[in-house]
Amino acid sequence: MTLPGVLQAQDSSTSDPSAVIPDKPNPPRLVNDFVGILSSSERSQLEQKLRAYNDSTSTQITVVIVKTTEPYPIGDFAFQVGRKWGIGQKGKNNGLVLAWATQTRKVFIATGYGLEGAIPDAIAKRIISNTIVPAFKQERWYQGLNDATTEIIKRASGEYKAEPRQQSDGDGFGEILIWVFIAFVVLYFLSRRSGGGG
């Protein structure tokens, strides 16, 4: 349940909000405050948390703060930011955009298909209503965003793991030999315990 006059989640429609989407920052950031409502230390802390989560899981959570998305619904804006900026890993679509329009007092959580199991629309709206709205009502902007992203991380925990680093062919062959040896030893002891002899 949203609080009138504080902020509200708005469903996406077929509008094309590309005209109001800011360009992707270079170098890329996960916390994008185009309004300057957060302090530099708050932006840094939130960025560090989201980057650490991205590095360990490959799931990308991006916060985008703008004054307004009008005349387009904030839902369209959030999804278009995700597409234009390439949020999440290619092929996994495991990105999430938390968009907040400070002037129009609206917020929306847009999830990629790869995260819909962990963060469906109902859960996204609940995070907005139960976590972000109460904090924003008290003008605790950072607290609301920090608590919301913490809940998102907890709910998405285990959905994805970071891609393993590429190994050379030699390393891969050596690893196979080790696993074959381990399997042989395990089978040997199992056969002895079951009385199968050598």
C-alpha atoms as a PDB file:
ATOM      1  CA  MET A   1       0.000   0.000   0.000  1.00  0.00           C
ATOM      2  CA  THR A   2       1.505   3.319  -1.018  1.00  0.00           C
ATOM      3  CA  LEU A   3       1.124   6.584   0.836  1.00  0.00           C
ATOM      4  CA  PRO A   4      -0.506   9.363  -1.217  1.00  0.00           C
ATOM      5  CA  GLY A   5       1.675  12.446  -1.454  1.00  0.00           C
ATOM      6  CA  VAL A   6       4.831  10.571  -0.444  1.00  0.00           C
ATOM      7  CA  LEU A   7       5.576   8.340  -3.411  1.00  0.00           C
ATOM      8  CA  GLN A   8       3.849   5.687  -5.387  1.00  0.00           C
ATOM      9  CA  ALA A   9       4.796   2.823  -7.607  1.00  0.00           C
ATOM     10  CA  GLN A  10       3.413   3.169 -11.076  1.00  0.00           C
ATOM     11  CA  ASP A  11       2.819   0.343 -13.515  1.00  0.00           C
ATOM     12  CA  SER A  12       4.654   0.474 -16.812  1.00  0.00           C
ATOM     13  CA  SER A  13       2.784   1.082 -20.063  1.00  0.00           C
ATOM     14  CA  THR A  14       3.569   1.190 -23.748  1.00  0.00           C
ATOM     15  CA  SER A  15       5.033   4.729 -23.712  1.00  0.00           C
ATOM     16  CA  ASP A  16       8.560   5.287 -24.944  1.00  0.00           C
ATOM     17  CA  PRO A  17      10.504   7.264 -22.340  1.00  0.00           C
ATOM     18  CA  SER A  18      13.790   7.209 -24.286  1.00  0.00           C
ATOM     19  CA  ALA A  19      13.783  11.014 -24.526  1.00  0.00           C
ATOM     20  CA  VAL A  20      14.183  11.409 -20.758  1.00  0.00           C
ATOM     21  CA  ILE A  21      16.679   8.609 -20.125  1.00  0.00           C
ATOM     22  CA  PRO A  22      20.095   9.972 -19.125  1.00  0.00           C
ATOM     23  CA  ASP A  23      23.166   8.602 -20.867  1.00  0.00           C
ATOM     24  CA  LYS A  24      24.998   5.821 -19.095  1.00  0.00           C
ATOM     25  CA  PRO A  25      27.759   7.368 -16.966  1.00  0.00           C
ATOM     26  CA  ASN A  26      31.320   6.751 -18.035  1.00  0.00           C
ATOM     27  CA  PRO A  27      32.865   5.122 -16.100  1.00  0.00           C
ATOM     28  CA  PRO A  28      29.722   3.138 -15.194  1.00  0.00           C
ATOM     29  CA  ARG A  29      28.277   3.474 -11.684  1.00  0.00           C
ATOM     30  CA  LEU A  30      25.662   1.466  -9.803  1.00  0.00           C
ATOM     31  CA  VAL A  31      24.465   4.490  -7.794  1.00  0.00           C
ATOM     32  CA  ASN A  32      23.447   7.301 -10.143  1.00  0.00           C
ATOM     33  CA  ASP A  33      22.196  10.367  -8.285  1.00  0.00           C
ATOM     34  CA  PHE A  34      21.434  12.947 -10.971  1.00  0.00           C
ATOM     35  CA  VAL A  35      19.699  15.137  -8.381  1.00  0.00           C
ATOM     36  CA  GLY A  36      22.391  15.305  -5.699  1.00  0.00           C
ATOM     37  CA  ILE A  37      20.030  14.324  -2.899  1.00  0.00           C
ATOM     38  CA  LEU A  38      22.533  11.897  -1.331  1.00  0.00           C
ATOM     39  CA  SER A  39      25.791  13.006   0.222  1.00  0.00           C
ATOM     40  CA  SER A  40      29.055  11.896  -1.372  1.00  0.00           C
ATOM     41  CA  SER A  41      29.730   9.498   1.523  1.00  0.00           C
ATOM     42  CA  GLU A  42      26.242   7.980   1.225  1.00  0.00           C
ATOM     43  CA  ARG A  43      26.686   7.463  -2.511  1.00  0.00           C
ATOM     44  CA  SER A  44      30.079   5.904  -1.893  1.00  0.00           C
ATOM     45  CA  GLN A  45      28.798   3.505   0.777  1.00  0.00           C
ATOM     46  CA  LEU A  46      25.860   2.370  -1.337  1.00  0.00           C
ATOM     47  CA  GLU A  47      28.048   2.020  -4.430  1.00  0.00           C
ATOM     48  CA  GLN A  48      30.547  -0.099  -2.501  1.00  0.00           C
ATOM     49  CA  LYS A  49      27.820  -2.425  -1.229  1.00  0.00           C
ATOM     50  CA  LEU A  50      26.182  -2.919  -4.626  1.00  0.00           C
ATOM     51  CA  ARG A  51      29.521  -3.376  -6.383  1.00  0.00           C
ATOM     52  CA  ALA A  52      30.616  -6.033  -3.885  1.00  0.00           C
ATOM     53  CA  TYR A  53      27.336  -7.883  -4.450  1.00  0.00           C
ATOM     54  CA  ASN A  54      27.724  -7.606  -8.227  1.00  0.00           C
ATOM     55  CA  ASP A  55      31.295  -8.927  -8.076  1.00  0.00           C
ATOM     56  CA  SER A  56      30.340 -11.928  -5.935  1.00  0.00           C
ATOM     57  CA  THR A  57      27.105 -12.951  -7.678  1.00  0.00           C
ATOM     58  CA  SER A  58      27.078 -11.282 -11.149  1.00  0.00           C
ATOM     59  CA  THR A  59      23.642  -9.842 -10.255  1.00  0.00           C
ATOM     60  CA  GLN A  60      23.579  -6.104 -10.897  1.00  0.00           C
ATOM     61  CA  ILE A  61      21.450  -3.689  -8.860  1.00  0.00           C
ATOM     62  CA  THR A  62      21.441  -0.112 -10.156  1.00  0.00           C
ATOM     63  CA  VAL A  63      19.942   2.910  -8.408  1.00  0.00           C
ATOM     64  CA  VAL A  64      18.884   5.827 -10.630  1.00  0.00           C
ATOM     65  CA  ILE A  65      17.675   9.081  -9.055  1.00  0.00           C
ATOM     66  CA  VAL A  66      16.200  11.795 -11.307  1.00  0.00           C
ATOM     67  CA  LYS A  67      13.916  14.782 -10.716  1.00  0.00           C
ATOM     68  CA  THR A  68      11.125  13.539 -12.967  1.00  0.00           C
ATOM     69  CA  THR A  69      10.337  11.022 -15.692  1.00  0.00           C
ATOM     70  CA  GLU A  70       7.328  12.954 -16.970  1.00  0.00           C
ATOM     71  CA  PRO A  71       5.520  12.730 -19.286  1.00  0.00           C
ATOM     72  CA  TYR A  72       6.385   9.023 -19.138  1.00  0.00           C
ATOM     73  CA  PRO A  73       5.470   6.562 -16.374  1.00  0.00           C
ATOM     74  CA  ILE A  74       8.343   5.758 -14.071  1.00  0.00           C
ATOM     75  CA  GLY A  75       7.912   2.047 -14.808  1.00  0.00           C
ATOM     76  CA  ASP A  76       8.650   2.591 -18.500  1.00  0.00           C
ATOM     77  CA  PHE A  77      11.600   4.766 -17.560  1.00  0.00           C
ATOM     78  CA  ALA A  78      13.086   2.111 -15.242  1.00  0.00           C
ATOM     79  CA  PHE A  79      12.814  -0.700 -17.788  1.00  0.00           C
ATOM     80  CA  GLN A  80      14.232   1.485 -20.567  1.00  0.00           C
ATOM     81  CA  VAL A  81      17.204   2.437 -18.386  1.00  0.00           C
ATOM     82  CA  GLY A  82      17.842  -1.274 -17.849  1.00  0.00           C
ATOM     83  CA  ARG A  83      17.817  -1.912 -21.596  1.00  0.00           C
ATOM     84  CA  LYS A  84      19.758   1.179 -22.678  1.00  0.00           C
ATOM     85  CA  TRP A  85      22.443   0.824 -20.033  1.00  0.00           C
ATOM     86  CA  GLY A  86      22.674  -2.968 -20.311  1.00  0.00           C
ATOM     87  CA  ILE A  87      22.003  -3.653 -16.621  1.00  0.00           C
ATOM     88  CA  GLY A  88      22.731  -7.258 -15.662  1.00  0.00           C
ATOM     89  CA  GLN A  89      24.692  -9.986 -17.404  1.00  0.00           C
ATOM     90  CA  LYS A  90      24.049 -10.668 -21.068  1.00  0.00           C
ATOM     91  CA  GLY A  91      22.190 -13.948 -21.505  1.00  0.00           C
ATOM     92  CA  LYS A  92      21.076 -14.044 -17.851  1.00  0.00           C
ATOM     93  CA  ASN A  93      19.080 -10.802 -17.730  1.00  0.00           C
ATOM     94  CA  ASN A  94      19.804 -10.661 -14.005  1.00  0.00           C
ATOM     95  CA  GLY A  95      19.731  -6.908 -13.564  1.00  0.00           C
ATOM     96  CA  LEU A  96      17.499  -4.713 -11.414  1.00  0.00           C
ATOM     97  CA  VAL A  97      16.845  -0.975 -11.621  1.00  0.00           C
ATOM     98  CA  LEU A  98      15.555   0.966  -8.623  1.00  0.00           C
ATOM     99  CA  ALA A  99      14.334   4.268 -10.090  1.00  0.00           C
ATOM    100  CA  TRP A 100      13.284   7.246  -7.992  1.00  0.00           C
ATOM    101  CA  ALA A 101      11.866  10.528  -9.293  1.00  0.00           C
ATOM    102  CA  THR A 102      12.235  13.020  -6.456  1.00  0.00           C
ATOM    103  CA  GLN A 103      10.100  15.826  -7.886  1.00  0.00           C
ATOM    104  CA  THR A 104       7.112  13.651  -8.772  1.00  0.00           C
ATOM    105  CA  ARG A 105       7.704  11.462  -5.698  1.00  0.00           C
ATOM    106  CA  LYS A 106       7.502   8.131  -7.468  1.00  0.00           C
ATOM    107  CA  VAL A 107       9.636   5.019  -7.214  1.00  0.00           C
ATOM    108  CA  PHE A 108       9.721   1.804  -9.208  1.00  0.00           C
ATOM    109  CA  ILE A 109      11.700  -1.436  -9.074  1.00  0.00           C
ATOM    110  CA  ALA A 110      12.216  -3.011 -12.502  1.00  0.00           C
ATOM    111  CA  THR A 111      13.623  -6.547 -12.554  1.00  0.00           C
ATOM    112  CA  GLY A 112      15.070  -8.493 -15.460  1.00  0.00           C
ATOM    113  CA  TYR A 113      13.550 -11.849 -16.355  1.00  0.00           C
ATOM    114  CA  GLY A 114      16.371 -13.635 -14.580  1.00  0.00           C
ATOM    115  CA  LEU A 115      15.364 -12.111 -11.229  1.00  0.00           C
ATOM    116  CA  GLU A 116      11.592 -12.344 -11.507  1.00  0.00           C
ATOM    117  CA  GLY A 117      11.563 -15.583  -9.525  1.00  0.00           C
ATOM    118  CA  ALA A 118      13.250 -13.926  -6.547  1.00  0.00           C
ATOM    119  CA  ILE A 119      11.781 -10.418  -6.915  1.00  0.00           C
ATOM    120  CA  PRO A 120       8.338 -10.679  -8.552  1.00  0.00           C
ATOM    121  CA  ASP A 121       6.197  -7.555  -8.973  1.00  0.00           C
ATOM    122  CA  ALA A 122       4.315  -8.185  -5.713  1.00  0.00           C
ATOM    123  CA  ILE A 123       7.557  -8.358  -3.723  1.00  0.00           C
ATOM    124  CA  ALA A 124       8.966  -5.268  -5.461  1.00  0.00           C
ATOM    125  CA  LYS A 125       5.860  -3.272  -4.549  1.00  0.00           C
ATOM    126  CA  ARG A 126       6.019  -4.570  -0.977  1.00  0.00           C
ATOM    127  CA  ILE A 127       9.632  -3.423  -0.639  1.00  0.00           C
ATOM    128  CA  ILE A 128       8.587   0.026  -1.861  1.00  0.00           C
ATOM    129  CA  SER A 129       5.578   0.251   0.451  1.00  0.00           C
ATOM    130  CA  ASN A 130       7.075  -1.286   3.589  1.00  0.00           C
ATOM    131  CA  THR A 131      10.710  -0.192   3.388  1.00  0.00           C
ATOM    132  CA  ILE A 132      11.160   2.826   1.138  1.00  0.00           C
ATOM    133  CA  VAL A 133       7.957   4.767   1.824  1.00  0.00           C
ATOM    134  CA  PRO A 134       8.305   4.935   5.644  1.00  0.00           C
ATOM    135  CA  ALA A 135      11.931   6.074   5.394  1.00  0.00           C
ATOM    136  CA  PHE A 136      11.257   8.623   2.660  1.00  0.00           C
ATOM    137  CA  LYS A 137       8.308  10.002   4.614  1.00  0.00           C
ATOM    138  CA  GLN A 138      10.837  10.921   7.314  1.00  0.00           C
ATOM    139  CA  GLU A 139      13.255  12.268   4.666  1.00  0.00           C
ATOM    140  CA  ARG A 140      15.705   9.478   5.441  1.00  0.00           C
ATOM    141  CA  TRP A 141      16.617   9.027   1.794  1.00  0.00           C
ATOM    142  CA  TYR A 142      19.794   6.996   2.194  1.00  0.00           C
ATOM    143  CA  GLN A 143      18.245   4.755   4.849  1.00  0.00           C
ATOM    144  CA  GLY A 144      15.337   3.899   2.572  1.00  0.00           C
ATOM    145  CA  LEU A 145      17.568   3.036  -0.379  1.00  0.00           C
ATOM    146  CA  ASN A 146      20.073   1.156   1.752  1.00  0.00           C
ATOM    147  CA  ASP A 147      17.419  -0.936   3.530  1.00  0.00           C
ATOM    148  CA  ALA A 148      15.611  -1.646   0.245  1.00  0.00           C
ATOM    149  CA  THR A 149      18.745  -2.826  -1.534  1.00  0.00           C
ATOM    150  CA  THR A 150      19.668  -4.957   1.471  1.00  0.00           C
ATOM    151  CA  GLU A 151      16.273  -6.677   1.297  1.00  0.00           C
ATOM    152  CA  ILE A 152      16.634  -7.158  -2.462  1.00  0.00           C
ATOM    153  CA  ILE A 153      20.052  -8.747  -1.960  1.00  0.00           C
ATOM    154  CA  LYS A 154      18.692 -11.099   0.717  1.00  0.00           C
ATOM    155  CA  ARG A 155      15.784 -12.181  -1.485  1.00  0.00           C
ATOM    156  CA  ALA A 156      17.980 -12.676  -4.528  1.00  0.00           C
ATOM    157  CA  SER A 157      20.669 -14.532  -2.589  1.00  0.00           C
ATOM    158  CA  GLY A 158      21.659 -17.738  -4.310  1.00  0.00           C
ATOM    159  CA  GLU A 159      19.963 -16.894  -7.619  1.00  0.00           C
ATOM    160  CA  TYR A 160      23.266 -16.472  -9.446  1.00  0.00           C
ATOM    161  CA  LYS A 161      26.951 -17.009  -8.852  1.00  0.00           C
ATOM    162  CA  ALA A 162      29.732 -15.091 -10.528  1.00  0.00           C
ATOM    163  CA  GLU A 163      31.165 -16.728 -13.621  1.00  0.00           C
ATOM    164  CA  PRO A 164      34.300 -18.764 -12.804  1.00  0.00           C
ATOM    165  CA  ARG A 165      37.519 -17.355 -14.159  1.00  0.00           C
ATOM    166  CA  GLN A 166      38.717 -18.828 -17.431  1.00  0.00           C
ATOM    167  CA  GLN A 167      41.391 -21.469 -16.988  1.00  0.00           C
ATOM    168  CA  SER A 168      44.024 -22.540 -19.439  1.00  0.00           C
ATOM    169  CA  ASP A 169      43.700 -25.946 -21.105  1.00  0.00           C
ATOM    170  CA  GLY A 170      46.556 -27.277 -18.989  1.00  0.00           C
ATOM    171  CA  ASP A 171      44.834 -26.270 -15.750  1.00  0.00           C
ATOM    172  CA  GLY A 172      41.588 -27.855 -16.875  1.00  0.00           C
ATOM    173  CA  PHE A 173      43.280 -31.166 -17.750  1.00  0.00           C
ATOM    174  CA  GLY A 174      45.069 -31.272 -14.417  1.00  0.00           C
ATOM    175  CA  GLU A 175      41.777 -30.665 -12.602  1.00  0.00           C
ATOM    176  CA  ILE A 176      40.147 -33.555 -14.497  1.00  0.00           C
ATOM    177  CA  LEU A 177      42.969 -35.917 -13.465  1.00  0.00           C
ATOM    178  CA  ILE A 178      42.521 -34.911  -9.822  1.00  0.00           C
ATOM    179  CA  TRP A 179      38.768 -35.611  -9.937  1.00  0.00           C
ATOM    180  CA  VAL A 180      39.339 -38.979 -11.651  1.00  0.00           C
ATOM    181  CA  PHE A 181      41.818 -39.932  -8.947  1.00  0.00           C
ATOM    182  CA  ILE A 182      39.420 -38.882  -6.163  1.00  0.00           C
ATOM    183  CA  ALA A 183      36.580 -40.851  -7.755  1.00  0.00           C
ATOM    184  CA  PHE A 184      38.823 -43.930  -8.029  1.00  0.00           C
ATOM    185  CA  VAL A 185      39.829 -43.723  -4.365  1.00  0.00           C
ATOM    186  CA  VAL A 186      36.207 -43.288  -3.228  1.00  0.00           C
ATOM    187  CA  LEU A 187      35.018 -46.243  -5.323  1.00  0.00           C
ATOM    188  CA  TYR A 188      37.880 -48.386  -4.026  1.00  0.00           C
ATOM    189  CA  PHE A 189      36.990 -47.785  -0.376  1.00  0.00           C
ATOM    190  CA  LEU A 190      33.257 -48.225  -1.035  1.00  0.00           C
ATOM    191  CA  SER A 191      33.855 -51.593  -2.667  1.00  0.00           C
ATOM    192  CA  ARG A 192      36.016 -52.748   0.289  1.00  0.00           C
ATOM    193  CA  ARG A 193      33.346 -51.657   2.816  1.00  0.00           C
ATOM    194  CA  SER A 194      30.672 -53.541   0.926  1.00  0.00           C
ATOM    195  CA  GLY A 195      32.771 -56.685   0.931  1.00  0.00           C
ATOM    196  CA  GLY A 196      33.472 -56.690  -2.737  1.00  0.00           C
ATOM    197  CA  GLY A 197      37.194 -57.324  -2.308  1.00  0.00           C
ATOM    198  CA  GLY A 198      39.764 -55.731  -4.551  1.00  0.00           C
END
